[in-house]
């Protein structure tokens, strides 16, 4: 039989002595300040998805604030869609200039610039968005047999003017 090394023997003795010693009682942790979340009765709960609202007193939901309607009503006649390319990315020629989905059109009402965004390009038309107002502009199809001459457009013609003419 082999003899155990001296180091292991000493380690076993030390562990046996510690096991016999009385363990110290650990102090119990006491919480001093408890955190709380307080919010106003009509505030949106920050952990809910955007658009969800706190239920009202009678079980219904609290009405969300309604955005004021846009002061300018855009119509499909303000725009001319002459060609559509369905690909990746989809492109449409609107008033002589190519635009992709998500791009902003250079539309001016007088001197005020309007934010008109191309939301979708589909076969046969383009969906535009202006302050929540959705405008579907169908593609203009040329007459069969009739040829249209397209003169070279100047860059200043790409700006879309609606309503009152811009002051110069």
C-alpha atoms as a PDB file:
ATOM      1  CA  UNK A   1       0.000   0.000   0.000  1.00  0.00           C
ATOM      2  CA  UNK A   2       1.257   3.414  -0.817  1.00  0.00           C
ATOM      3  CA  UNK A   3       1.416   6.052   1.803  1.00  0.00           C
ATOM      4  CA  UNK A   4      -0.540   9.265   1.254  1.00  0.00           C
ATOM      5  CA  UNK A   5       1.502  12.401   0.813  1.00  0.00           C
ATOM      6  CA  UNK A   6       1.965  14.608   3.827  1.00  0.00           C
ATOM      7  CA  UNK A   7       0.144  17.532   2.146  1.00  0.00           C
ATOM      8  CA  UNK A   8      -3.116  15.611   1.741  1.00  0.00           C
ATOM      9  CA  UNK A   9      -3.014  14.433   5.312  1.00  0.00           C
ATOM     10  CA  UNK A  10      -2.609  17.978   6.638  1.00  0.00           C
ATOM     11  CA  UNK A  11      -5.428  19.272   4.392  1.00  0.00           C
ATOM     12  CA  UNK A  12      -7.792  16.560   5.682  1.00  0.00           C
ATOM     13  CA  UNK A  13      -6.994  17.452   9.315  1.00  0.00           C
ATOM     14  CA  UNK A  14      -7.595  21.185   8.700  1.00  0.00           C
ATOM     15  CA  UNK A  15     -10.985  20.479   7.068  1.00  0.00           C
ATOM     16  CA  UNK A  16     -12.034  18.253   9.956  1.00  0.00           C
ATOM     17  CA  UNK A  17     -11.170  20.955  12.502  1.00  0.00           C
ATOM     18  CA  UNK A  18     -13.134  23.596  10.562  1.00  0.00           C
ATOM     19  CA  UNK A  19     -16.180  21.331  10.349  1.00  0.00           C
ATOM     20  CA  UNK A  20     -16.238  20.919  14.123  1.00  0.00           C
ATOM     21  CA  UNK A  21     -16.004  24.673  14.756  1.00  0.00           C
ATOM     22  CA  UNK A  22     -19.315  26.468  15.277  1.00  0.00           C
ATOM     23  CA  UNK A  23     -20.364  28.384  12.099  1.00  0.00           C
ATOM     24  CA  UNK A  24     -20.893  32.133  12.394  1.00  0.00           C
ATOM     25  CA  UNK A  25     -24.435  33.367  12.021  1.00  0.00           C
ATOM     26  CA  UNK A  26     -24.762  35.507   8.883  1.00  0.00           C
ATOM     27  CA  UNK A  27     -26.330  38.939   9.236  1.00  0.00           C
ATOM     28  CA  UNK A  28     -29.695  39.225   7.589  1.00  0.00           C
ATOM     29  CA  UNK A  29     -29.910  41.892   4.844  1.00  0.00           C
ATOM     30  CA  UNK A  30     -32.491  44.601   5.387  1.00  0.00           C
ATOM     31  CA  UNK A  31     -33.773  46.666   2.457  1.00  0.00           C
ATOM     32  CA  UNK A  32     -33.634  50.395   3.304  1.00  0.00           C
ATOM     33  CA  UNK A  33     -35.362  52.029   0.299  1.00  0.00           C
ATOM     34  CA  UNK A  34     -37.887  50.188  -1.837  1.00  0.00           C
ATOM     35  CA  UNK A  35     -38.240  51.566  -5.400  1.00  0.00           C
ATOM     36  CA  UNK A  36     -41.709  52.396  -6.722  1.00  0.00           C
ATOM     37  CA  UNK A  37     -43.034  53.466 -10.136  1.00  0.00           C
ATOM     38  CA  UNK A  38     -45.608  56.280 -10.030  1.00  0.00           C
ATOM     39  CA  UNK A  39     -47.370  57.668 -13.094  1.00  0.00           C
ATOM     40  CA  UNK A  40     -50.296  59.927 -13.824  1.00  0.00           C
ATOM     41  CA  UNK A  41     -53.680  58.247 -14.315  1.00  0.00           C
ATOM     42  CA  UNK A  42     -53.881  59.183 -18.000  1.00  0.00           C
ATOM     43  CA  UNK A  43     -50.202  58.557 -18.858  1.00  0.00           C
ATOM     44  CA  UNK A  44     -49.232  55.855 -21.317  1.00  0.00           C
ATOM     45  CA  UNK A  45     -47.660  52.848 -19.630  1.00  0.00           C
ATOM     46  CA  UNK A  46     -44.052  52.870 -20.903  1.00  0.00           C
ATOM     47  CA  UNK A  47     -43.816  49.078 -21.179  1.00  0.00           C
ATOM     48  CA  UNK A  48     -46.831  48.748 -23.504  1.00  0.00           C
ATOM     49  CA  UNK A  49     -46.455  48.940 -27.285  1.00  0.00           C
ATOM     50  CA  UNK A  50     -46.917  52.350 -28.874  1.00  0.00           C
ATOM     51  CA  UNK A  51     -50.572  52.919 -29.697  1.00  0.00           C
ATOM     52  CA  UNK A  52     -51.951  50.966 -26.718  1.00  0.00           C
ATOM     53  CA  UNK A  53     -53.692  53.103 -24.115  1.00  0.00           C
ATOM     54  CA  UNK A  54     -54.742  52.594 -20.544  1.00  0.00           C
ATOM     55  CA  UNK A  55     -58.364  51.427 -20.177  1.00  0.00           C
ATOM     56  CA  UNK A  56     -60.832  54.136 -19.152  1.00  0.00           C
ATOM     57  CA  UNK A  57     -62.997  54.145 -16.010  1.00  0.00           C
ATOM     58  CA  UNK A  58     -65.977  52.439 -17.713  1.00  0.00           C
ATOM     59  CA  UNK A  59     -63.885  49.644 -19.252  1.00  0.00           C
ATOM     60  CA  UNK A  60     -63.358  51.328 -22.636  1.00  0.00           C
ATOM     61  CA  UNK A  61     -60.086  52.759 -23.797  1.00  0.00           C
ATOM     62  CA  UNK A  62     -59.039  56.364 -23.527  1.00  0.00           C
ATOM     63  CA  UNK A  63     -59.237  58.017 -26.945  1.00  0.00           C
ATOM     64  CA  UNK A  64     -55.860  58.774 -28.482  1.00  0.00           C
ATOM     65  CA  UNK A  65     -55.258  62.378 -29.495  1.00  0.00           C
ATOM     66  CA  UNK A  66     -56.283  62.837 -33.119  1.00  0.00           C
ATOM     67  CA  UNK A  67     -53.895  64.652 -35.433  1.00  0.00           C
ATOM     68  CA  UNK A  68     -55.425  67.680 -37.145  1.00  0.00           C
ATOM     69  CA  UNK A  69     -56.322  67.058 -40.787  1.00  0.00           C
ATOM     70  CA  UNK A  70     -53.821  68.425 -43.288  1.00  0.00           C
ATOM     71  CA  UNK A  71     -54.637  71.946 -44.466  1.00  0.00           C
ATOM     72  CA  UNK A  72     -53.809  71.040 -48.072  1.00  0.00           C
ATOM     73  CA  UNK A  73     -55.712  68.274 -49.841  1.00  0.00           C
ATOM     74  CA  UNK A  74     -53.586  66.627 -52.501  1.00  0.00           C
ATOM     75  CA  UNK A  75     -55.291  64.997 -55.455  1.00  0.00           C
ATOM     76  CA  UNK A  76     -54.096  62.433 -58.006  1.00  0.00           C
ATOM     77  CA  UNK A  77     -54.362  65.138 -60.705  1.00  0.00           C
ATOM     78  CA  UNK A  78     -51.432  67.009 -59.112  1.00  0.00           C
ATOM     79  CA  UNK A  79     -49.105  64.179 -60.151  1.00  0.00           C
ATOM     80  CA  UNK A  80     -48.331  62.432 -63.433  1.00  0.00           C
ATOM     81  CA  UNK A  81     -47.042  58.847 -63.288  1.00  0.00           C
ATOM     82  CA  UNK A  82     -45.737  57.956 -66.745  1.00  0.00           C
ATOM     83  CA  UNK A  83     -43.810  54.734 -66.142  1.00  0.00           C
ATOM     84  CA  UNK A  84     -43.347  52.061 -63.502  1.00  0.00           C
ATOM     85  CA  UNK A  85     -40.463  49.609 -63.206  1.00  0.00           C
ATOM     86  CA  UNK A  86     -41.305  46.666 -60.955  1.00  0.00           C
ATOM     87  CA  UNK A  87     -38.017  45.253 -59.823  1.00  0.00           C
ATOM     88  CA  UNK A  88     -35.685  45.422 -56.897  1.00  0.00           C
ATOM     89  CA  UNK A  89     -35.885  48.327 -56.182  1.00  0.00           C
ATOM     90  CA  UNK A  90     -39.180  49.355 -57.752  1.00  0.00           C
ATOM     91  CA  UNK A  91     -39.059  52.740 -59.496  1.00  0.00           C
ATOM     92  CA  UNK A  92     -41.728  55.089 -60.819  1.00  0.00           C
ATOM     93  CA  UNK A  93     -41.423  58.151 -63.019  1.00  0.00           C
ATOM     94  CA  UNK A  94     -43.483  60.881 -61.354  1.00  0.00           C
ATOM     95  CA  UNK A  95     -43.657  64.252 -63.127  1.00  0.00           C
ATOM     96  CA  UNK A  96     -40.621  63.392 -65.247  1.00  0.00           C
ATOM     97  CA  UNK A  97     -38.330  62.189 -62.451  1.00  0.00           C
ATOM     98  CA  UNK A  98     -37.657  58.684 -61.101  1.00  0.00           C
ATOM     99  CA  UNK A  99     -38.450  57.882 -57.477  1.00  0.00           C
ATOM    100  CA  UNK A 100     -38.177  54.737 -55.359  1.00  0.00           C
ATOM    101  CA  UNK A 101     -40.268  53.639 -52.383  1.00  0.00           C
ATOM    102  CA  UNK A 102     -39.552  55.777 -49.317  1.00  0.00           C
ATOM    103  CA  UNK A 103     -38.241  58.777 -51.251  1.00  0.00           C
ATOM    104  CA  UNK A 104     -39.647  62.288 -50.778  1.00  0.00           C
ATOM    105  CA  UNK A 105     -41.074  64.236 -53.722  1.00  0.00           C
ATOM    106  CA  UNK A 106     -40.124  67.934 -54.161  1.00  0.00           C
ATOM    107  CA  UNK A 107     -43.662  69.337 -53.733  1.00  0.00           C
ATOM    108  CA  UNK A 108     -44.190  73.027 -52.961  1.00  0.00           C
ATOM    109  CA  UNK A 109     -47.434  74.807 -52.066  1.00  0.00           C
ATOM    110  CA  UNK A 110     -46.578  78.445 -52.658  1.00  0.00           C
ATOM    111  CA  UNK A 111     -43.299  78.823 -50.774  1.00  0.00           C
ATOM    112  CA  UNK A 112     -44.037  76.014 -48.305  1.00  0.00           C
ATOM    113  CA  UNK A 113     -42.361  72.659 -48.930  1.00  0.00           C
ATOM    114  CA  UNK A 114     -44.652  69.656 -48.395  1.00  0.00           C
ATOM    115  CA  UNK A 115     -43.403  66.240 -47.272  1.00  0.00           C
ATOM    116  CA  UNK A 116     -44.941  63.861 -49.820  1.00  0.00           C
ATOM    117  CA  UNK A 117     -43.443  60.363 -49.557  1.00  0.00           C
ATOM    118  CA  UNK A 118     -43.689  57.487 -52.048  1.00  0.00           C
ATOM    119  CA  UNK A 119     -45.152  54.677 -49.897  1.00  0.00           C
ATOM    120  CA  UNK A 120     -45.691  52.027 -52.543  1.00  0.00           C
ATOM    121  CA  UNK A 121     -45.111  51.340 -56.206  1.00  0.00           C
ATOM    122  CA  UNK A 122     -47.460  48.750 -57.693  1.00  0.00           C
ATOM    123  CA  UNK A 123     -48.442  47.676 -61.168  1.00  0.00           C
ATOM    124  CA  UNK A 124     -50.679  50.436 -62.505  1.00  0.00           C
ATOM    125  CA  UNK A 125     -50.157  53.097 -59.850  1.00  0.00           C
ATOM    126  CA  UNK A 126     -48.203  54.732 -57.054  1.00  0.00           C
ATOM    127  CA  UNK A 127     -49.293  55.266 -53.435  1.00  0.00           C
ATOM    128  CA  UNK A 128     -48.209  58.632 -51.998  1.00  0.00           C
ATOM    129  CA  UNK A 129     -48.473  59.790 -48.384  1.00  0.00           C
ATOM    130  CA  UNK A 130     -48.815  63.349 -47.105  1.00  0.00           C
ATOM    131  CA  UNK A 131     -49.367  63.740 -43.319  1.00  0.00           C
ATOM    132  CA  UNK A 132     -51.380  60.521 -43.148  1.00  0.00           C
ATOM    133  CA  UNK A 133     -53.378  61.361 -46.280  1.00  0.00           C
ATOM    134  CA  UNK A 134     -53.004  58.465 -48.742  1.00  0.00           C
ATOM    135  CA  UNK A 135     -53.174  59.334 -52.448  1.00  0.00           C
ATOM    136  CA  UNK A 136     -53.316  56.643 -55.137  1.00  0.00           C
ATOM    137  CA  UNK A 137     -52.019  58.039 -58.427  1.00  0.00           C
ATOM    138  CA  UNK A 138     -52.802  55.765 -61.404  1.00  0.00           C
ATOM    139  CA  UNK A 139     -50.321  55.514 -64.252  1.00  0.00           C
ATOM    140  CA  UNK A 140     -51.252  57.557 -67.303  1.00  0.00           C
ATOM    141  CA  UNK A 141     -51.430  55.310 -70.340  1.00  0.00           C
ATOM    142  CA  UNK A 142     -50.858  56.840 -73.776  1.00  0.00           C
ATOM    143  CA  UNK A 143     -53.458  56.468 -76.500  1.00  0.00           C
ATOM    144  CA  UNK A 144     -52.947  53.515 -78.810  1.00  0.00           C
ATOM    145  CA  UNK A 145     -51.396  54.615 -82.086  1.00  0.00           C
ATOM    146  CA  UNK A 146     -50.699  58.141 -80.842  1.00  0.00           C
ATOM    147  CA  UNK A 147     -47.108  59.084 -80.218  1.00  0.00           C
ATOM    148  CA  UNK A 148     -46.257  61.640 -77.612  1.00  0.00           C
ATOM    149  CA  UNK A 149     -43.134  63.712 -78.004  1.00  0.00           C
ATOM    150  CA  UNK A 150     -41.320  64.236 -74.699  1.00  0.00           C
ATOM    151  CA  UNK A 151     -39.121  67.323 -74.831  1.00  0.00           C
ATOM    152  CA  UNK A 152     -35.979  67.341 -72.683  1.00  0.00           C
ATOM    153  CA  UNK A 153     -36.983  68.558 -69.207  1.00  0.00           C
ATOM    154  CA  UNK A 154     -34.991  71.187 -67.299  1.00  0.00           C
ATOM    155  CA  UNK A 155     -34.071  70.528 -63.621  1.00  0.00           C
ATOM    156  CA  UNK A 156     -36.313  73.407 -62.505  1.00  0.00           C
ATOM    157  CA  UNK A 157     -39.285  71.562 -64.009  1.00  0.00           C
ATOM    158  CA  UNK A 158     -38.854  68.700 -61.533  1.00  0.00           C
ATOM    159  CA  UNK A 159     -40.253  70.850 -58.723  1.00  0.00           C
ATOM    160  CA  UNK A 160     -43.961  70.150 -58.354  1.00  0.00           C
ATOM    161  CA  UNK A 161     -46.009  73.333 -57.817  1.00  0.00           C
ATOM    162  CA  UNK A 162     -49.592  73.045 -56.624  1.00  0.00           C
ATOM    163  CA  UNK A 163     -51.929  75.819 -55.576  1.00  0.00           C
ATOM    164  CA  UNK A 164     -50.627  79.382 -55.616  1.00  0.00           C
ATOM    165  CA  UNK A 165     -47.496  80.068 -57.726  1.00  0.00           C
ATOM    166  CA  UNK A 166     -44.269  80.642 -55.837  1.00  0.00           C
ATOM    167  CA  UNK A 167     -43.250  84.263 -55.274  1.00  0.00           C
ATOM    168  CA  UNK A 168     -40.001  85.139 -57.070  1.00  0.00           C
END
